[in-house]
C-alpha atoms as a PDB file:
ATOM      1  CA  MET A   1      28.065 -40.610  47.016  1.00  0.00           C
ATOM      2  CA  THR A   2      30.242 -39.339  44.162  1.00  0.00           C
ATOM      3  CA  GLN A   3      33.941 -40.271  44.025  1.00  0.00           C
ATOM      4  CA  SER A   4      36.505 -37.732  42.994  1.00  0.00           C
ATOM      5  CA  PRO A   5      38.408 -38.395  39.755  1.00  0.00           C
ATOM      6  CA  GLY A   6      41.556 -38.990  41.768  1.00  0.00           C
ATOM      7  CA  THR A   7      39.863 -41.538  44.035  1.00  0.00           C
ATOM      8  CA  GLU A   8      38.322 -43.339  41.056  1.00  0.00           C
ATOM      9  CA  HIS A   9      41.711 -43.469  39.351  1.00  0.00           C
ATOM     10  CA  SER A  10      43.301 -44.851  42.531  1.00  0.00           C
ATOM     11  CA  HIS A  11      40.679 -47.585  42.773  1.00  0.00           C
ATOM     12  CA  ARG A  12      41.147 -48.564  39.142  1.00  0.00           C
ATOM     13  CA  ARG A  13      44.893 -48.724  39.636  1.00  0.00           C
ATOM     14  CA  ARG A  14      44.461 -50.869  42.752  1.00  0.00           C
ATOM     15  CA  ASP A  15      42.071 -53.224  40.948  1.00  0.00           C
ATOM     16  CA  LEU A  16      44.471 -53.500  38.037  1.00  0.00           C
ATOM     17  CA  LEU A  17      47.404 -54.367  40.282  1.00  0.00           C
ATOM     18  CA  ALA A  18      45.307 -56.935  42.110  1.00  0.00           C
ATOM     19  CA  ALA A  19      44.264 -58.516  38.829  1.00  0.00           C
ATOM     20  CA  LEU A  20      47.884 -58.642  37.682  1.00  0.00           C
ATOM     21  CA  GLY A  21      48.863 -60.208  40.985  1.00  0.00           C
ATOM     22  CA  ILE A  22      46.211 -62.897  40.632  1.00  0.00           C
ATOM     23  CA  ALA A  23      47.279 -63.572  37.048  1.00  0.00           C
ATOM     24  CA  ALA A  24      50.912 -63.851  38.105  1.00  0.00           C
ATOM     25  CA  GLY A  25      49.938 -66.176  40.916  1.00  0.00           C
ATOM     26  CA  LEU A  26      48.046 -68.392  38.502  1.00  0.00           C
ATOM     27  CA  ALA A  27      50.774 -68.299  35.868  1.00  0.00           C
ATOM     28  CA  ALA A  28      53.660 -69.178  38.182  1.00  0.00           C
ATOM     29  CA  PRO A  29      52.458 -72.696  39.026  1.00  0.00           C
ATOM     30  CA  ARG A  30      51.784 -73.415  35.343  1.00  0.00           C
ATOM     31  CA  LEU A  31      55.351 -72.418  34.429  1.00  0.00           C
ATOM     32  CA  ALA A  32      56.901 -74.460  37.216  1.00  0.00           C
ATOM     33  CA  ARG A  33      54.601 -77.463  36.893  1.00  0.00           C
ATOM     34  CA  PRO A  34      56.305 -79.278  34.002  1.00  0.00           C
ATOM     35  CA  GLN A  35      59.514 -79.514  36.043  1.00  0.00           C
ATOM     36  CA  ALA A  36      57.971 -79.987  39.472  1.00  0.00           C
ATOM     37  CA  SER A  37      55.660 -82.820  38.432  1.00  0.00           C
ATOM     38  CA  PHE A  38      57.566 -84.319  35.494  1.00  0.00           C
ATOM     39  CA  PRO A  39      56.344 -86.403  33.824  1.00  0.00           C
ATOM     40  CA  ASP A  40      52.754 -85.180  33.838  1.00  0.00           C
ATOM     41  CA  ARG A  41      51.686 -87.132  30.738  1.00  0.00           C
ATOM     42  CA  ALA A  42      52.883 -89.922  28.447  1.00  0.00           C
ATOM     43  CA  VAL A  43      56.596 -90.091  27.608  1.00  0.00           C
ATOM     44  CA  ARG A  44      57.678 -91.349  24.192  1.00  0.00           C
ATOM     45  CA  ILE A  45      60.969 -93.158  23.582  1.00  0.00           C
ATOM     46  CA  VAL A  46      61.693 -92.944  19.863  1.00  0.00           C
ATOM     47  CA  VAL A  47      63.704 -95.864  18.461  1.00  0.00           C
ATOM     48  CA  PRO A  48      65.055 -94.946  15.008  1.00  0.00           C
ATOM     49  CA  TYR A  49      65.166 -98.595  13.933  1.00  0.00           C
ATOM     50  CA  ALA A  50      62.677-101.378  13.263  1.00  0.00           C
ATOM     51  CA  ALA A  51      61.395-103.414  16.181  1.00  0.00           C
ATOM     52  CA  GLY A  52      63.371-106.376  17.448  1.00  0.00           C
ATOM     53  CA  GLY A  53      66.966-105.137  17.458  1.00  0.00           C
ATOM     54  CA  PRO A  54      69.194-104.214  20.426  1.00  0.00           C
ATOM     55  CA  THR A  55      67.939-100.627  20.490  1.00  0.00           C
ATOM     56  CA  ASP A  56      64.344-101.781  20.671  1.00  0.00           C
ATOM     57  CA  ILE A  57      65.127-104.331  23.391  1.00  0.00           C
ATOM     58  CA  ILE A  58      66.767-101.720  25.619  1.00  0.00           C
ATOM     59  CA  ALA A  59      64.009 -99.181  25.072  1.00  0.00           C
ATOM     60  CA  ARG A  60      61.209-101.590  25.967  1.00  0.00           C
ATOM     61  CA  ALA A  61      62.994-103.002  29.013  1.00  0.00           C
ATOM     62  CA  VAL A  62      63.618 -99.512  30.406  1.00  0.00           C
ATOM     63  CA  ALA A  63      60.119 -98.288  29.476  1.00  0.00           C
ATOM     64  CA  GLU A  64      58.527-100.949  31.654  1.00  0.00           C
ATOM     65  CA  ARG A  65      60.512 -99.841  34.709  1.00  0.00           C
ATOM     66  CA  LEU A  66      59.886 -96.149  34.070  1.00  0.00           C
ATOM     67  CA  PHE A  67      56.143 -96.783  33.904  1.00  0.00           C
ATOM     68  CA  GLU A  68      56.326 -98.479  37.308  1.00  0.00           C
ATOM     69  CA  ALA A  69      58.270 -95.527  38.740  1.00  0.00           C
ATOM     70  CA  TRP A  70      56.292 -92.690  37.135  1.00  0.00           C
ATOM     71  CA  ARG A  71      52.795 -94.132  36.805  1.00  0.00           C
ATOM     72  CA  GLN A  72      52.605 -92.447  33.437  1.00  0.00           C
ATOM     73  CA  PRO A  73      52.521 -94.244  30.064  1.00  0.00           C
ATOM     74  CA  VAL A  74      55.974 -94.741  28.520  1.00  0.00           C
ATOM     75  CA  VAL A  75      55.527 -95.554  24.843  1.00  0.00           C
ATOM     76  CA  VAL A  76      58.232 -96.990  22.589  1.00  0.00           C
ATOM     77  CA  GLU A  77      57.774 -95.613  19.088  1.00  0.00           C
ATOM     78  CA  ASN A  78      59.742 -97.141  16.190  1.00  0.00           C
ATOM     79  CA  ARG A  79      60.596 -94.597  13.481  1.00  0.00           C
ATOM     80  CA  PRO A  80      63.095 -96.371  11.194  1.00  0.00           C
ATOM     81  CA  GLY A  81      64.556 -95.107   7.949  1.00  0.00           C
ATOM     82  CA  ALA A  82      67.260 -92.966   6.328  1.00  0.00           C
ATOM     83  CA  GLY A  83      70.056 -94.360   8.452  1.00  0.00           C
ATOM     84  CA  ALA A  84      68.182 -93.621  11.702  1.00  0.00           C
ATOM     85  CA  SER A  85      67.938 -89.927  10.807  1.00  0.00           C
ATOM     86  CA  ILE A  86      64.117 -89.860  10.583  1.00  0.00           C
ATOM     87  CA  GLY A  87      63.675 -90.703  14.246  1.00  0.00           C
ATOM     88  CA  ALA A  88      66.577 -88.483  15.304  1.00  0.00           C
ATOM     89  CA  GLU A  89      65.214 -85.452  13.449  1.00  0.00           C
ATOM     90  CA  HIS A  90      61.798 -85.976  15.028  1.00  0.00           C
ATOM     91  CA  VAL A  91      63.301 -85.817  18.511  1.00  0.00           C
ATOM     92  CA  ALA A  92      65.586 -82.894  17.668  1.00  0.00           C
ATOM     93  CA  ARG A  93      62.491 -80.872  16.741  1.00  0.00           C
ATOM     94  CA  ALA A  94      60.450 -81.926  19.794  1.00  0.00           C
ATOM     95  CA  ALA A  95      59.784 -79.711  22.806  1.00  0.00           C
ATOM     96  CA  ALA A  96      62.604 -79.778  25.339  1.00  0.00           C
ATOM     97  CA  ASP A  97      60.346 -80.878  28.194  1.00  0.00           C
ATOM     98  CA  GLY A  98      61.531 -84.462  28.647  1.00  0.00           C
ATOM     99  CA  HIS A  99      58.414 -86.093  27.213  1.00  0.00           C
ATOM    100  CA  THR A 100      60.117 -87.095  23.940  1.00  0.00           C
ATOM    101  CA  LEU A 101      63.383 -89.047  24.073  1.00  0.00           C
ATOM    102  CA  LEU A 102      65.591 -90.836  21.550  1.00  0.00           C
ATOM    103  CA  LEU A 103      67.411 -94.099  22.102  1.00  0.00           C
ATOM    104  CA  ALA A 104      70.386 -93.431  19.867  1.00  0.00           C
ATOM    105  CA  ALA A 105      73.020 -95.892  18.692  1.00  0.00           C
ATOM    106  CA  SER A 106      76.613 -95.249  17.640  1.00  0.00           C
ATOM    107  CA  ALA A 107      75.430 -94.666  14.056  1.00  0.00           C
ATOM    108  CA  HIS A 108      74.099 -91.376  15.441  1.00  0.00           C
ATOM    109  CA  VAL A 109      77.663 -90.003  15.250  1.00  0.00           C
ATOM    110  CA  MET A 110      78.909 -92.226  12.409  1.00  0.00           C
ATOM    111  CA  ASN A 111      76.305 -91.111   9.871  1.00  0.00           C
ATOM    112  CA  PRO A 112      76.686 -87.296   9.860  1.00  0.00           C
ATOM    113  CA  PRO A 113      80.124 -87.252   8.149  1.00  0.00           C
ATOM    114  CA  LEU A 114      78.569 -89.426   5.427  1.00  0.00           C
ATOM    115  CA  MET A 115      75.325 -87.427   5.303  1.00  0.00           C
ATOM    116  CA  PRO A 116      76.439 -83.772   5.453  1.00  0.00           C
ATOM    117  CA  ARG A 117      72.966 -82.414   4.722  1.00  0.00           C
ATOM    118  CA  LEU A 118      71.323 -83.840   7.819  1.00  0.00           C
ATOM    119  CA  PRO A 119      68.922 -81.243   9.286  1.00  0.00           C
ATOM    120  CA  TYR A 120      70.427 -81.594  12.771  1.00  0.00           C
ATOM    121  CA  HIS A 121      73.795 -81.796  14.529  1.00  0.00           C
ATOM    122  CA  PRO A 122      74.229 -85.099  16.406  1.00  0.00           C
ATOM    123  CA  VAL A 123      75.583 -83.430  19.553  1.00  0.00           C
ATOM    124  CA  ARG A 124      74.513 -79.773  19.614  1.00  0.00           C
ATOM    125  CA  ASP A 125      70.853 -80.516  18.862  1.00  0.00           C
ATOM    126  CA  PHE A 126      70.485 -83.126  21.606  1.00  0.00           C
ATOM    127  CA  THR A 127      70.908 -83.432  25.356  1.00  0.00           C
ATOM    128  CA  PRO A 128      72.850 -86.582  26.319  1.00  0.00           C
ATOM    129  CA  ILE A 129      71.200 -88.322  29.278  1.00  0.00           C
ATOM    130  CA  ILE A 130      72.867 -91.703  29.770  1.00  0.00           C
ATOM    131  CA  GLN A 131      74.815 -94.296  27.821  1.00  0.00           C
ATOM    132  CA  ALA A 132      72.964 -97.543  28.456  1.00  0.00           C
ATOM    133  CA  ALA A 133      74.879-100.358  26.742  1.00  0.00           C
ATOM    134  CA  TYR A 134      77.845-101.232  24.561  1.00  0.00           C
ATOM    135  CA  HIS A 135      79.288-104.109  22.594  1.00  0.00           C
ATOM    136  CA  PRO A 136      82.588-104.477  20.744  1.00  0.00           C
ATOM    137  CA  MET A 137      83.278-105.879  17.306  1.00  0.00           C
ATOM    138  CA  ILE A 138      85.384-108.926  16.500  1.00  0.00           C
ATOM    139  CA  LEU A 139      87.791-109.219  13.591  1.00  0.00           C
ATOM    140  CA  VAL A 140      87.197-112.627  12.015  1.00  0.00           C
ATOM    141  CA  VAL A 141      88.642-114.438   8.996  1.00  0.00           C
ATOM    142  CA  HIS A 142      87.422-117.350   6.923  1.00  0.00           C
ATOM    143  CA  PRO A 143      89.221-120.605   7.887  1.00  0.00           C
ATOM    144  CA  SER A 144      90.838-120.728   4.453  1.00  0.00           C
ATOM    145  CA  VAL A 145      92.844-117.578   5.198  1.00  0.00           C
ATOM    146  CA  PRO A 146      96.359-118.770   6.187  1.00  0.00           C
ATOM    147  CA  VAL A 147      96.750-116.701   9.371  1.00  0.00           C
ATOM    148  CA  ASN A 148      96.425-117.540  13.048  1.00  0.00           C
ATOM    149  CA  SER A 149      97.185-114.196  14.664  1.00  0.00           C
ATOM    150  CA  PHE A 150      96.527-110.499  14.218  1.00  0.00           C
ATOM    151  CA  ALA A 151     100.194-109.886  13.360  1.00  0.00           C
ATOM    152  CA  GLU A 152     100.110-112.528  10.625  1.00  0.00           C
ATOM    153  CA  PHE A 153      96.891-111.007   9.313  1.00  0.00           C
ATOM    154  CA  LEU A 154      98.436-107.527   8.996  1.00  0.00           C
ATOM    155  CA  ASP A 155     101.471-109.024   7.287  1.00  0.00           C
ATOM    156  CA  LEU A 156      99.249-110.827   4.774  1.00  0.00           C
ATOM    157  CA  ALA A 157      97.321-107.623   4.095  1.00  0.00           C
ATOM    158  CA  LYS A 158     100.577-105.815   3.295  1.00  0.00           C
ATOM    159  CA  ARG A 159     101.897-108.578   1.019  1.00  0.00           C
ATOM    160  CA  GLN A 160      98.682-109.260  -0.886  1.00  0.00           C
ATOM    161  CA  PRO A 161      98.019-106.949  -3.879  1.00  0.00           C
ATOM    162  CA  GLY A 162      95.137-104.662  -2.920  1.00  0.00           C
ATOM    163  CA  GLY A 163      95.205-106.022   0.586  1.00  0.00           C
ATOM    164  CA  VAL A 164      92.756-108.546   1.975  1.00  0.00           C
ATOM    165  CA  THR A 165      89.067-108.432   1.053  1.00  0.00           C
ATOM    166  CA  VAL A 166      86.757-107.080   3.771  1.00  0.00           C
ATOM    167  CA  GLY A 167      83.029-107.727   3.523  1.00  0.00           C
ATOM    168  CA  SER A 168      80.441-105.413   5.038  1.00  0.00           C
ATOM    169  CA  ALA A 169      76.714-104.717   4.985  1.00  0.00           C
ATOM    170  CA  GLY A 170      77.278-101.542   2.961  1.00  0.00           C
ATOM    171  CA  VAL A 171      79.333 -98.384   2.528  1.00  0.00           C
ATOM    172  CA  GLY A 172      79.596 -96.543   5.827  1.00  0.00           C
ATOM    173  CA  ASN A 173      78.385 -99.575   7.787  1.00  0.00           C
ATOM    174  CA  ALA A 174      80.109-100.179  11.139  1.00  0.00           C
ATOM    175  CA  SER A 175      82.073-103.111   9.655  1.00  0.00           C
ATOM    176  CA  HIS A 176      83.351-100.901   6.865  1.00  0.00           C
ATOM    177  CA  LEU A 177      84.278 -98.074   9.212  1.00  0.00           C
ATOM    178  CA  ALA A 178      86.084-100.478  11.560  1.00  0.00           C
ATOM    179  CA  ALA A 179      88.278-101.598   8.663  1.00  0.00           C
ATOM    180  CA  ALA A 180      88.798 -97.980   7.620  1.00  0.00           C
ATOM    181  CA  LEU A 181      89.852 -97.045  11.159  1.00  0.00           C
ATOM    182  CA  LEU A 182      92.324 -99.941  11.172  1.00  0.00           C
ATOM    183  CA  GLY A 183      93.668 -98.672   7.868  1.00  0.00           C
ATOM    184  CA  VAL A 184      94.112 -95.130   9.183  1.00  0.00           C
ATOM    185  CA  GLU A 185      95.523 -96.083  12.593  1.00  0.00           C
ATOM    186  CA  VAL A 186      97.599 -99.145  11.706  1.00  0.00           C
ATOM    187  CA  GLY A 187      98.258 -98.932   7.987  1.00  0.00           C
ATOM    188  CA  PHE A 188      96.023-101.896   7.199  1.00  0.00           C
ATOM    189  CA  THR A 189      95.470-102.409   3.466  1.00  0.00           C
ATOM    190  CA  PHE A 190      92.227-103.903   2.217  1.00  0.00           C
ATOM    191  CA  THR A 191      89.702-104.044  -0.577  1.00  0.00           C
ATOM    192  CA  HIS A 192      86.226-103.234   0.637  1.00  0.00           C
ATOM    193  CA  VAL A 193      83.410-105.420  -0.706  1.00  0.00           C
ATOM    194  CA  PRO A 194      80.047-103.893   0.296  1.00  0.00           C
ATOM    195  CA  TYR A 195      76.858-105.953   0.213  1.00  0.00           C
ATOM    196  CA  ASN A 196      73.240-104.915   0.411  1.00  0.00           C
ATOM    197  CA  GLY A 197      72.655-105.874   4.029  1.00  0.00           C
ATOM    198  CA  SER A 198      74.111-108.102   6.725  1.00  0.00           C
ATOM    199  CA  ALA A 199      72.636-111.391   5.436  1.00  0.00           C
ATOM    200  CA  PRO A 200      74.378-111.390   2.015  1.00  0.00           C
ATOM    201  CA  SER A 201      77.536-110.087   3.666  1.00  0.00           C
ATOM    202  CA  MET A 202      77.541-113.014   6.103  1.00  0.00           C
ATOM    203  CA  THR A 203      76.845-115.486   3.302  1.00  0.00           C
ATOM    204  CA  ALA A 204      79.846-114.180   1.380  1.00  0.00           C
ATOM    205  CA  LEU A 205      82.065-114.404   4.455  1.00  0.00           C
ATOM    206  CA  LEU A 206      81.016-117.939   5.403  1.00  0.00           C
ATOM    207  CA  SER A 207      81.512-119.143   1.821  1.00  0.00           C
ATOM    208  CA  GLY A 208      84.963-117.595   1.568  1.00  0.00           C
ATOM    209  CA  GLN A 209      84.052-115.054  -1.112  1.00  0.00           C
ATOM    210  CA  VAL A 210      85.610-112.434   1.148  1.00  0.00           C
ATOM    211  CA  GLN A 211      88.477-113.099   3.521  1.00  0.00           C
ATOM    212  CA  CYS A 212      87.441-111.212   6.620  1.00  0.00           C
ATOM    213  CA  SER A 213      84.976-108.932   8.318  1.00  0.00           C
ATOM    214  CA  PHE A 214      84.316-107.102  11.570  1.00  0.00           C
ATOM    215  CA  LEU A 215      81.258-108.658  13.215  1.00  0.00           C
ATOM    216  CA  ASN A 216      79.302-107.561  16.244  1.00  0.00           C
ATOM    217  CA  SER A 217      80.344-109.486  19.333  1.00  0.00           C
ATOM    218  CA  THR A 218      77.223-111.674  19.504  1.00  0.00           C
ATOM    219  CA  VAL A 219      77.354-112.932  15.919  1.00  0.00           C
ATOM    220  CA  GLY A 220      81.142-113.152  15.963  1.00  0.00           C
ATOM    221  CA  THR A 221      81.160-115.233  19.137  1.00  0.00           C
ATOM    222  CA  GLN A 222      78.551-117.640  17.721  1.00  0.00           C
ATOM    223  CA  GLN A 223      80.449-118.179  14.466  1.00  0.00           C
ATOM    224  CA  ILE A 224      83.803-118.623  16.203  1.00  0.00           C
ATOM    225  CA  ARG A 225      82.407-121.176  18.668  1.00  0.00           C
ATOM    226  CA  ALA A 226      80.752-123.039  15.794  1.00  0.00           C
ATOM    227  CA  GLY A 227      84.141-123.299  14.087  1.00  0.00           C
ATOM    228  CA  LYS A 228      82.913-121.500  10.976  1.00  0.00           C
ATOM    229  CA  LEU A 229      85.180-118.464  11.389  1.00  0.00           C
ATOM    230  CA  ARG A 230      88.486-117.742  13.120  1.00  0.00           C
ATOM    231  CA  GLY A 231      88.670-114.853  15.555  1.00  0.00           C
ATOM    232  CA  LEU A 232      91.792-112.695  15.581  1.00  0.00           C
ATOM    233  CA  ALA A 233      91.094-109.687  17.804  1.00  0.00           C
ATOM    234  CA  VAL A 234      88.459-107.688  19.655  1.00  0.00           C
ATOM    235  CA  THR A 235      88.009-103.982  19.003  1.00  0.00           C
ATOM    236  CA  SER A 236      87.154-102.893  22.564  1.00  0.00           C
ATOM    237  CA  LEU A 237      89.748-101.615  25.029  1.00  0.00           C
ATOM    238  CA  GLU A 238      89.066-104.617  27.269  1.00  0.00           C
ATOM    239  CA  ARG A 239      88.681-108.262  26.345  1.00  0.00           C
ATOM    240  CA  TRP A 240      85.181-109.481  25.546  1.00  0.00           C
ATOM    241  CA  ARG A 241      83.640-111.482  28.382  1.00  0.00           C
ATOM    242  CA  GLU A 242      82.561-114.318  26.061  1.00  0.00           C
ATOM    243  CA  LEU A 243      85.993-114.777  24.436  1.00  0.00           C
ATOM    244  CA  LEU A 244      88.536-113.950  27.102  1.00  0.00           C
ATOM    245  CA  ASP A 245      91.322-115.728  25.227  1.00  0.00           C
ATOM    246  CA  LEU A 246      90.952-113.347  22.279  1.00  0.00           C
ATOM    247  CA  PRO A 247      93.233-110.288  22.591  1.00  0.00           C
ATOM    248  CA  THR A 248      92.215-106.722  21.846  1.00  0.00           C
ATOM    249  CA  VAL A 249      93.717-104.715  18.999  1.00  0.00           C
ATOM    250  CA  ALA A 250      94.791-102.180  21.628  1.00  0.00           C
ATOM    251  CA  GLU A 251      96.885-104.687  23.580  1.00  0.00           C
ATOM    252  CA  LEU A 252      98.482-105.986  20.376  1.00  0.00           C
ATOM    253  CA  GLY A 253     100.541-102.843  19.986  1.00  0.00           C
ATOM    254  CA  HIS A 254      97.906-100.289  19.006  1.00  0.00           C
ATOM    255  CA  PRO A 255      96.866 -98.560  22.256  1.00  0.00           C
ATOM    256  CA  GLY A 256      93.640 -96.585  22.140  1.00  0.00           C
ATOM    257  CA  PHE A 257      92.236 -98.458  19.155  1.00  0.00           C
ATOM    258  CA  GLU A 258      88.525 -98.935  19.749  1.00  0.00           C
ATOM    259  CA  VAL A 259      85.430 -99.555  17.670  1.00  0.00           C
ATOM    260  CA  GLY A 260      82.206-100.457  19.391  1.00  0.00           C
ATOM    261  CA  ALA A 261      78.485-100.030  19.164  1.00  0.00           C
ATOM    262  CA  TRP A 262      76.952 -97.991  21.976  1.00  0.00           C
ATOM    263  CA  TYR A 263      73.333 -97.243  22.828  1.00  0.00           C
ATOM    264  CA  GLY A 264      72.128 -94.319  24.886  1.00  0.00           C
ATOM    265  CA  PHE A 265      69.228 -92.051  25.752  1.00  0.00           C
ATOM    266  CA  VAL A 266      69.194 -88.442  24.571  1.00  0.00           C
ATOM    267  CA  GLY A 267      66.590 -85.699  24.525  1.00  0.00           C
ATOM    268  CA  PRO A 268      66.170 -82.498  22.530  1.00  0.00           C
ATOM    269  CA  ALA A 269      68.712 -79.751  23.145  1.00  0.00           C
ATOM    270  CA  GLY A 270      68.021 -77.539  26.133  1.00  0.00           C
ATOM    271  CA  LEU A 271      66.443 -79.988  28.570  1.00  0.00           C
ATOM    272  CA  PRO A 272      66.029 -78.122  31.882  1.00  0.00           C
ATOM    273  CA  GLU A 273      68.521 -79.282  34.498  1.00  0.00           C
ATOM    274  CA  PRO A 274      65.889 -80.624  36.966  1.00  0.00           C
ATOM    275  CA  ILE A 275      64.296 -82.746  34.232  1.00  0.00           C
ATOM    276  CA  LEU A 276      67.687 -83.942  32.954  1.00  0.00           C
ATOM    277  CA  ALA A 277      68.716 -84.929  36.486  1.00  0.00           C
ATOM    278  CA  LYS A 278      65.466 -86.844  37.037  1.00  0.00           C
ATOM    279  CA  LEU A 279      65.705 -88.627  33.688  1.00  0.00           C
ATOM    280  CA  HIS A 280      69.294 -89.656  34.372  1.00  0.00           C
ATOM    281  CA  ARG A 281      68.495 -90.834  37.888  1.00  0.00           C
ATOM    282  CA  ASP A 282      65.393 -92.813  36.944  1.00  0.00           C
ATOM    283  CA  ILE A 283      66.790 -94.373  33.764  1.00  0.00           C
ATOM    284  CA  ALA A 284      69.982 -95.328  35.627  1.00  0.00           C
ATOM    285  CA  ALA A 285      67.841 -96.964  38.325  1.00  0.00           C
ATOM    286  CA  ALA A 286      65.914 -98.874  35.635  1.00  0.00           C
ATOM    287  CA  LEU A 287      69.126-100.052  33.972  1.00  0.00           C
ATOM    288  CA  ALA A 288      70.469-101.243  37.329  1.00  0.00           C
ATOM    289  CA  THR A 289      67.547-103.587  38.038  1.00  0.00           C
ATOM    290  CA  PRO A 290      68.441-107.284  37.633  1.00  0.00           C
ATOM    291  CA  ALA A 291      65.628-107.869  35.112  1.00  0.00           C
ATOM    292  CA  VAL A 292      66.803-105.101  32.779  1.00  0.00           C
ATOM    293  CA  ARG A 293      70.480-106.030  33.129  1.00  0.00           C
ATOM    294  CA  GLU A 294      69.662-109.632  32.273  1.00  0.00           C
ATOM    295  CA  ARG A 295      67.791-108.590  29.136  1.00  0.00           C
ATOM    296  CA  ILE A 296      70.668-106.364  28.033  1.00  0.00           C
ATOM    297  CA  ILE A 297      73.264-109.081  28.630  1.00  0.00           C
ATOM    298  CA  ALA A 298      71.065-111.673  26.883  1.00  0.00           C
ATOM    299  CA  ALA A 299      71.055-109.376  23.844  1.00  0.00           C
ATOM    300  CA  GLY A 300      74.857-109.627  23.747  1.00  0.00           C
ATOM    301  CA  LEU A 301      75.507-106.199  25.244  1.00  0.00           C
ATOM    302  CA  ASP A 302      77.409-104.837  28.219  1.00  0.00           C
ATOM    303  CA  PRO A 303      75.310-102.600  30.506  1.00  0.00           C
ATOM    304  CA  ARG A 304      76.790 -99.115  30.932  1.00  0.00           C
ATOM    305  CA  ASP A 305      76.033 -96.055  33.056  1.00  0.00           C
ATOM    306  CA  ALA A 306      77.788 -93.013  31.620  1.00  0.00           C
ATOM    307  CA  GLY A 307      75.995 -89.889  32.861  1.00  0.00           C
ATOM    308  CA  PRO A 308      75.217 -86.727  30.894  1.00  0.00           C
ATOM    309  CA  ALA A 309      78.693 -85.159  30.980  1.00  0.00           C
ATOM    310  CA  GLU A 310      80.551 -88.388  30.261  1.00  0.00           C
ATOM    311  CA  PHE A 311      78.097 -89.450  27.556  1.00  0.00           C
ATOM    312  CA  LYS A 312      78.464 -86.051  25.868  1.00  0.00           C
ATOM    313  CA  ARG A 313      82.255 -86.455  25.894  1.00  0.00           C
ATOM    314  CA  ILE A 314      81.888 -89.923  24.317  1.00  0.00           C
ATOM    315  CA  MET A 315      79.619 -88.578  21.587  1.00  0.00           C
ATOM    316  CA  GLU A 316      81.933 -85.653  20.811  1.00  0.00           C
ATOM    317  CA  THR A 317      85.011 -87.894  20.731  1.00  0.00           C
ATOM    318  CA  GLU A 318      83.322 -90.456  18.505  1.00  0.00           C
ATOM    319  CA  LEU A 319      82.039 -87.821  16.093  1.00  0.00           C
ATOM    320  CA  ALA A 320      85.510 -86.290  15.735  1.00  0.00           C
ATOM    321  CA  LYS A 321      87.053 -89.743  15.208  1.00  0.00           C
ATOM    322  CA  TRP A 322      84.675 -90.772  12.455  1.00  0.00           C
ATOM    323  CA  GLU A 323      84.890 -87.390  10.735  1.00  0.00           C
ATOM    324  CA  ARG A 324      88.669 -87.850  10.592  1.00  0.00           C
ATOM    325  CA  VAL A 325      88.540 -91.486   9.447  1.00  0.00           C
ATOM    326  CA  ILE A 326      85.912 -90.893   6.757  1.00  0.00           C
ATOM    327  CA  ARG A 327      87.781 -87.859   5.451  1.00  0.00           C
ATOM    328  CA  THR A 328      91.200 -89.566   5.507  1.00  0.00           C
ATOM    329  CA  ALA A 329      89.928 -92.773   3.923  1.00  0.00           C
ATOM    330  CA  GLY A 330      87.952 -90.838   1.315  1.00  0.00           C
ATOM    331  CA  ILE A 331      84.737 -92.727   2.021  1.00  0.00           C
ATOM    332  CA  ARG A 332      81.724 -91.530   0.064  1.00  0.00           C
ATOM    333  CA  PRO A 333      78.134 -92.764   0.454  1.00  0.00           C
ATOM    334  CA  ASP A 334      76.601 -94.878  -2.311  1.00  0.00           C
END
């Protein structure tokens, strides 16, 4: 039996619509699947530093718990170099599907004002997920320095030509920037003495070649308890749990003064909300387990749980602060 042209056309149109419907039905699950079943393959946590440091410790402790929760491989990948920018750029360029994350440290927002040609913006090109840990810095002096309080130290810095000598692990290092912030906020005068790394900087401090430095809380606490250095103040807003008798700079008449090292998880910009929510929830749950908390505290850190909005505010505030300090102090990279 012969079909009319109109009937044949109608059948072709019907077949075409059916085919399109099938294709749409097949495509819809594929589009939704990455969010509905996230993660559906291995997740990488990029650490932009060498293995063994605080960032690495946090990443590996959390990765173990995420593997247990997700039953997908969670791989910690160390990509050190260029002031942590190599690892950060890698994550900034990754697909925004939650399978590539960065465990950033506070240098993430300290470095850009010193490295204006970075190929990424530290806030706009990332999605903050959760701040995981924090530790303050401690202002210490060599025992030969004739001061016993923060007030006496500031007075000495004003009276001494060129100010006191501050040692650091290099230009733009956290110790250097802490001194620069004190100079901008308090009027502290100092001569910066940069060294090529933390080991020679510590040697110079312990031998009295430089008068003071800002040390991370773990190292500072050890040296103070050993009687090798004298602690004057802590740079966090609250007193450090290991040295509760040591006042903060903020409570000594300079409210709001804070310098600390933070560590937190971020992803590429544009993470879908369902994936962001799941990452925040599951990483927060991992950080809250006693085993992970104990490892973080043993590393000399305070566990934190600042969610996406709060962590973004912290990053934006810190970036603005260090841009202002570096510009005002005229700090230039080596």
